[in-house]
N, C-alpha and C. Protein backbone atom coordinates (compact mmCIF):
# COMPACT_ATOMS: atom_id res chain seq x y z
N VAL A 1 -7.84 -20.58 5.89
CA VAL A 1 -6.67 -20.83 6.70
C VAL A 1 -6.85 -20.08 8.01
N PRO A 2 -6.74 -20.74 9.14
CA PRO A 2 -6.83 -20.02 10.40
C PRO A 2 -5.71 -18.99 10.49
N PRO A 3 -5.97 -17.84 11.09
CA PRO A 3 -4.95 -16.78 11.16
C PRO A 3 -3.61 -17.24 11.71
N GLU A 4 -3.62 -18.16 12.67
CA GLU A 4 -2.36 -18.62 13.25
C GLU A 4 -1.53 -19.43 12.26
N ASN A 5 -2.15 -19.95 11.20
CA ASN A 5 -1.41 -20.73 10.20
C ASN A 5 -0.98 -19.91 9.00
N LEU A 6 -1.52 -18.71 8.82
CA LEU A 6 -1.13 -17.89 7.68
C LEU A 6 0.36 -17.62 7.67
N SER A 7 0.93 -17.40 8.84
CA SER A 7 2.36 -17.12 8.91
C SER A 7 3.18 -18.38 8.63
N ASN A 8 2.55 -19.55 8.61
CA ASN A 8 3.27 -20.79 8.34
C ASN A 8 3.42 -21.09 6.86
N ILE A 9 2.73 -20.34 6.00
CA ILE A 9 2.86 -20.55 4.57
C ILE A 9 3.99 -19.67 4.07
N GLN A 10 5.02 -20.28 3.52
CA GLN A 10 6.16 -19.54 3.01
C GLN A 10 6.32 -19.84 1.53
N ILE A 11 6.21 -18.81 0.75
CA ILE A 11 6.39 -18.93 -0.69
C ILE A 11 7.81 -18.53 -1.02
N PRO A 12 8.49 -19.23 -1.92
CA PRO A 12 9.86 -18.87 -2.26
C PRO A 12 10.00 -17.39 -2.61
N GLU A 13 11.17 -16.82 -2.30
CA GLU A 13 11.40 -15.39 -2.49
C GLU A 13 11.12 -14.90 -3.90
N ASN A 14 11.41 -15.72 -4.89
CA ASN A 14 11.24 -15.29 -6.27
C ASN A 14 9.81 -15.41 -6.78
N ALA A 15 8.88 -15.74 -5.91
CA ALA A 15 7.47 -15.85 -6.30
C ALA A 15 6.72 -14.61 -5.84
N SER A 16 5.65 -14.30 -6.53
CA SER A 16 4.80 -13.19 -6.12
C SER A 16 3.35 -13.63 -6.26
N ASN A 17 2.46 -12.87 -5.64
CA ASN A 17 1.03 -13.20 -5.75
C ASN A 17 0.56 -13.11 -7.19
N LYS A 18 1.19 -12.26 -7.99
CA LYS A 18 0.78 -12.10 -9.37
C LYS A 18 1.30 -13.21 -10.26
N ASN A 19 2.33 -13.90 -9.83
CA ASN A 19 2.94 -14.92 -10.68
C ASN A 19 3.11 -16.22 -9.91
N LEU A 20 2.08 -17.05 -9.88
CA LEU A 20 2.16 -18.31 -9.15
C LEU A 20 2.91 -19.38 -9.93
N LEU A 21 3.40 -19.04 -11.11
CA LEU A 21 4.21 -19.98 -11.87
C LEU A 21 5.42 -20.44 -11.06
N GLN A 22 6.02 -19.52 -10.30
CA GLN A 22 7.17 -19.88 -9.47
C GLN A 22 6.79 -20.85 -8.37
N VAL A 23 5.59 -20.69 -7.81
CA VAL A 23 5.13 -21.63 -6.79
C VAL A 23 4.92 -22.99 -7.43
N ARG A 24 4.36 -23.00 -8.63
CA ARG A 24 4.16 -24.27 -9.33
C ARG A 24 5.49 -24.95 -9.62
N ARG A 25 6.49 -24.16 -9.96
CA ARG A 25 7.81 -24.73 -10.26
C ARG A 25 8.61 -25.04 -9.01
N GLY A 26 8.56 -24.15 -8.01
CA GLY A 26 9.42 -24.27 -6.85
C GLY A 26 8.78 -24.82 -5.61
N GLY A 27 7.44 -25.02 -5.62
CA GLY A 27 6.75 -25.51 -4.44
C GLY A 27 6.64 -24.43 -3.39
N LEU A 28 6.30 -24.87 -2.16
CA LEU A 28 6.22 -23.93 -1.04
C LEU A 28 6.39 -24.66 0.27
N PHE A 29 6.59 -23.89 1.33
CA PHE A 29 6.73 -24.43 2.67
C PHE A 29 5.47 -24.13 3.46
N PHE A 30 4.97 -25.13 4.19
CA PHE A 30 3.81 -24.96 5.06
C PHE A 30 4.14 -25.66 6.37
N LYS A 31 4.07 -24.94 7.47
CA LYS A 31 4.44 -25.47 8.79
C LYS A 31 5.82 -26.11 8.76
N GLU A 32 6.75 -25.40 8.16
CA GLU A 32 8.16 -25.80 8.09
C GLU A 32 8.40 -27.10 7.31
N LYS A 33 7.47 -27.48 6.46
CA LYS A 33 7.64 -28.66 5.60
C LYS A 33 7.52 -28.22 4.15
N TYR A 34 8.41 -28.77 3.32
CA TYR A 34 8.41 -28.43 1.90
C TYR A 34 7.42 -29.30 1.14
N TYR A 35 6.66 -28.68 0.24
CA TYR A 35 5.71 -29.38 -0.62
C TYR A 35 6.01 -29.03 -2.07
N LYS A 36 6.08 -30.06 -2.92
CA LYS A 36 6.33 -29.88 -4.35
C LYS A 36 5.00 -29.92 -5.09
N CYS A 37 4.82 -29.04 -6.05
CA CYS A 37 3.58 -28.98 -6.84
C CYS A 37 3.44 -30.23 -7.70
N VAL A 38 2.27 -30.86 -7.61
CA VAL A 38 1.97 -32.03 -8.42
C VAL A 38 1.16 -31.62 -9.65
N HIS A 39 0.13 -30.81 -9.43
CA HIS A 39 -0.62 -30.23 -10.53
C HIS A 39 -1.37 -29.00 -10.04
N SER A 40 -1.80 -28.19 -10.99
CA SER A 40 -2.50 -26.96 -10.64
C SER A 40 -3.40 -26.52 -11.78
N ASN A 41 -4.31 -25.65 -11.45
CA ASN A 41 -5.14 -25.02 -12.46
C ASN A 41 -5.41 -23.59 -12.01
N GLU A 42 -6.35 -22.95 -12.62
CA GLU A 42 -6.62 -21.53 -12.33
C GLU A 42 -7.03 -21.28 -10.88
N HIS A 43 -7.68 -22.25 -10.23
CA HIS A 43 -8.23 -22.03 -8.90
C HIS A 43 -7.62 -22.90 -7.80
N SER A 44 -6.74 -23.83 -8.14
CA SER A 44 -6.19 -24.70 -7.10
C SER A 44 -4.78 -25.16 -7.43
N ILE A 45 -4.06 -25.49 -6.35
CA ILE A 45 -2.72 -26.04 -6.47
C ILE A 45 -2.66 -27.25 -5.56
N CYS A 46 -2.17 -28.36 -6.07
CA CYS A 46 -2.01 -29.59 -5.28
C CYS A 46 -0.52 -29.86 -5.14
N LEU A 47 -0.09 -30.02 -3.90
CA LEU A 47 1.32 -30.22 -3.60
C LEU A 47 1.49 -31.47 -2.75
N GLN A 48 2.68 -32.10 -2.83
CA GLN A 48 2.93 -33.32 -2.06
C GLN A 48 4.34 -33.32 -1.49
N ASN A 49 4.52 -34.08 -0.42
CA ASN A 49 5.83 -34.45 0.09
C ASN A 49 5.76 -35.90 0.53
N LEU A 50 6.78 -36.40 1.18
CA LEU A 50 6.80 -37.81 1.55
C LEU A 50 5.78 -38.17 2.64
N GLU A 51 5.31 -37.18 3.39
CA GLU A 51 4.38 -37.43 4.48
C GLU A 51 2.91 -37.26 4.11
N GLY A 52 2.64 -36.67 2.95
CA GLY A 52 1.26 -36.43 2.54
C GLY A 52 1.19 -35.32 1.53
N GLY A 53 0.17 -34.48 1.66
CA GLY A 53 0.00 -33.44 0.67
C GLY A 53 -0.76 -32.24 1.19
N LEU A 54 -0.86 -31.27 0.31
CA LEU A 54 -1.47 -29.99 0.62
C LEU A 54 -2.28 -29.58 -0.60
N ILE A 55 -3.50 -29.15 -0.39
CA ILE A 55 -4.35 -28.65 -1.46
C ILE A 55 -4.74 -27.22 -1.13
N VAL A 56 -4.46 -26.30 -2.03
CA VAL A 56 -4.78 -24.89 -1.83
C VAL A 56 -5.81 -24.51 -2.89
N VAL A 57 -6.97 -24.02 -2.45
CA VAL A 57 -8.06 -23.66 -3.36
C VAL A 57 -8.41 -22.19 -3.15
N LYS A 58 -8.43 -21.44 -4.22
CA LYS A 58 -8.78 -20.02 -4.18
C LYS A 58 -10.27 -19.85 -4.48
N THR A 59 -10.97 -19.15 -3.60
CA THR A 59 -12.37 -18.82 -3.84
C THR A 59 -12.48 -17.31 -4.00
N LYS A 60 -13.69 -16.80 -4.19
CA LYS A 60 -13.87 -15.35 -4.30
C LYS A 60 -13.47 -14.63 -3.02
N THR A 61 -13.66 -15.29 -1.88
CA THR A 61 -13.44 -14.66 -0.59
C THR A 61 -12.26 -15.22 0.18
N PHE A 62 -11.98 -16.51 0.05
CA PHE A 62 -11.00 -17.18 0.89
C PHE A 62 -9.95 -17.94 0.08
N ILE A 63 -8.89 -18.29 0.76
CA ILE A 63 -7.94 -19.28 0.26
C ILE A 63 -8.02 -20.45 1.24
N LEU A 64 -8.53 -21.58 0.75
CA LEU A 64 -8.68 -22.77 1.60
C LEU A 64 -7.44 -23.65 1.48
N VAL A 65 -6.98 -24.16 2.61
CA VAL A 65 -5.84 -25.05 2.63
C VAL A 65 -6.26 -26.35 3.30
N GLY A 66 -6.12 -27.45 2.58
CA GLY A 66 -6.42 -28.77 3.13
C GLY A 66 -5.16 -29.62 3.10
N THR A 67 -4.98 -30.42 4.12
CA THR A 67 -3.83 -31.32 4.17
C THR A 67 -4.32 -32.76 4.25
N TYR A 68 -3.47 -33.67 3.82
CA TYR A 68 -3.79 -35.10 3.94
C TYR A 68 -2.49 -35.86 4.22
N ARG A 69 -2.62 -37.05 4.75
CA ARG A 69 -1.48 -37.89 5.10
C ARG A 69 -1.31 -39.01 4.10
N VAL A 70 -0.15 -39.64 4.16
CA VAL A 70 0.11 -40.82 3.34
C VAL A 70 -0.95 -41.86 3.69
N GLY A 71 -1.47 -42.54 2.69
CA GLY A 71 -2.51 -43.54 2.90
C GLY A 71 -3.89 -43.02 2.57
N MET A 72 -4.03 -41.69 2.52
CA MET A 72 -5.30 -41.11 2.13
C MET A 72 -5.28 -40.92 0.61
N TYR A 73 -6.44 -40.84 0.00
CA TYR A 73 -6.51 -40.67 -1.44
C TYR A 73 -6.50 -39.19 -1.79
N PRO A 74 -5.41 -38.70 -2.41
CA PRO A 74 -5.31 -37.27 -2.74
C PRO A 74 -6.47 -36.76 -3.59
N SER A 75 -6.92 -37.54 -4.55
CA SER A 75 -7.99 -37.08 -5.44
C SER A 75 -9.31 -36.88 -4.69
N VAL A 76 -9.58 -37.74 -3.71
CA VAL A 76 -10.80 -37.61 -2.91
C VAL A 76 -10.71 -36.35 -2.04
N TRP A 77 -9.55 -36.16 -1.42
CA TRP A 77 -9.37 -34.99 -0.56
C TRP A 77 -9.42 -33.70 -1.37
N GLU A 78 -8.80 -33.72 -2.54
CA GLU A 78 -8.84 -32.54 -3.41
C GLU A 78 -10.28 -32.19 -3.78
N GLY A 79 -11.07 -33.20 -4.13
CA GLY A 79 -12.48 -32.97 -4.46
C GLY A 79 -13.26 -32.39 -3.29
N ALA A 80 -12.97 -32.86 -2.08
CA ALA A 80 -13.66 -32.35 -0.90
C ALA A 80 -13.32 -30.89 -0.64
N VAL A 81 -12.05 -30.53 -0.76
CA VAL A 81 -11.65 -29.14 -0.53
C VAL A 81 -12.24 -28.24 -1.60
N LYS A 82 -12.23 -28.69 -2.85
CA LYS A 82 -12.83 -27.89 -3.93
C LYS A 82 -14.33 -27.70 -3.71
N LYS A 83 -14.99 -28.74 -3.23
CA LYS A 83 -16.43 -28.66 -2.96
C LYS A 83 -16.69 -27.62 -1.86
N LEU A 84 -15.88 -27.62 -0.83
CA LEU A 84 -15.99 -26.61 0.23
C LEU A 84 -15.79 -25.20 -0.35
N GLY A 85 -14.86 -25.10 -1.29
CA GLY A 85 -14.59 -23.82 -1.92
C GLY A 85 -15.77 -23.27 -2.70
N LYS A 86 -16.55 -24.15 -3.30
CA LYS A 86 -17.73 -23.71 -4.05
C LYS A 86 -18.80 -23.17 -3.13
N ARG A 87 -18.79 -23.61 -1.87
CA ARG A 87 -19.79 -23.14 -0.90
C ARG A 87 -19.42 -21.78 -0.32
N SER A 88 -18.11 -21.42 -0.42
CA SER A 88 -17.65 -20.16 0.19
C SER A 88 -18.01 -18.96 -0.65
C-alpha cells in the first residue's frame, strides 16, 4: 500500500490487529468507501461493494491491497494479488 493510502484504510473501532474476525464481520472502509467481506483465509481478505472490490493479502513483509471494478473477474484479480504476495 503506498504510504499516502495507508491513512485511507479505516477498520471499524471494535476491530483490532489481533482480531480480524471483526473486519470479516463488519467490513472496512478504503478511500471513504465501505467494503463488505466476501471471504477470507489466514493470509487474505476479499471484500466487495457495488462498484467493485478490494483484496488484501498479508505477506511476511507487506500488506498488499488490490482493487478491481465491476465487470472484472474477482477470482482472477485475487489470484494475481496473491501471486504478487508470494514474490514479496
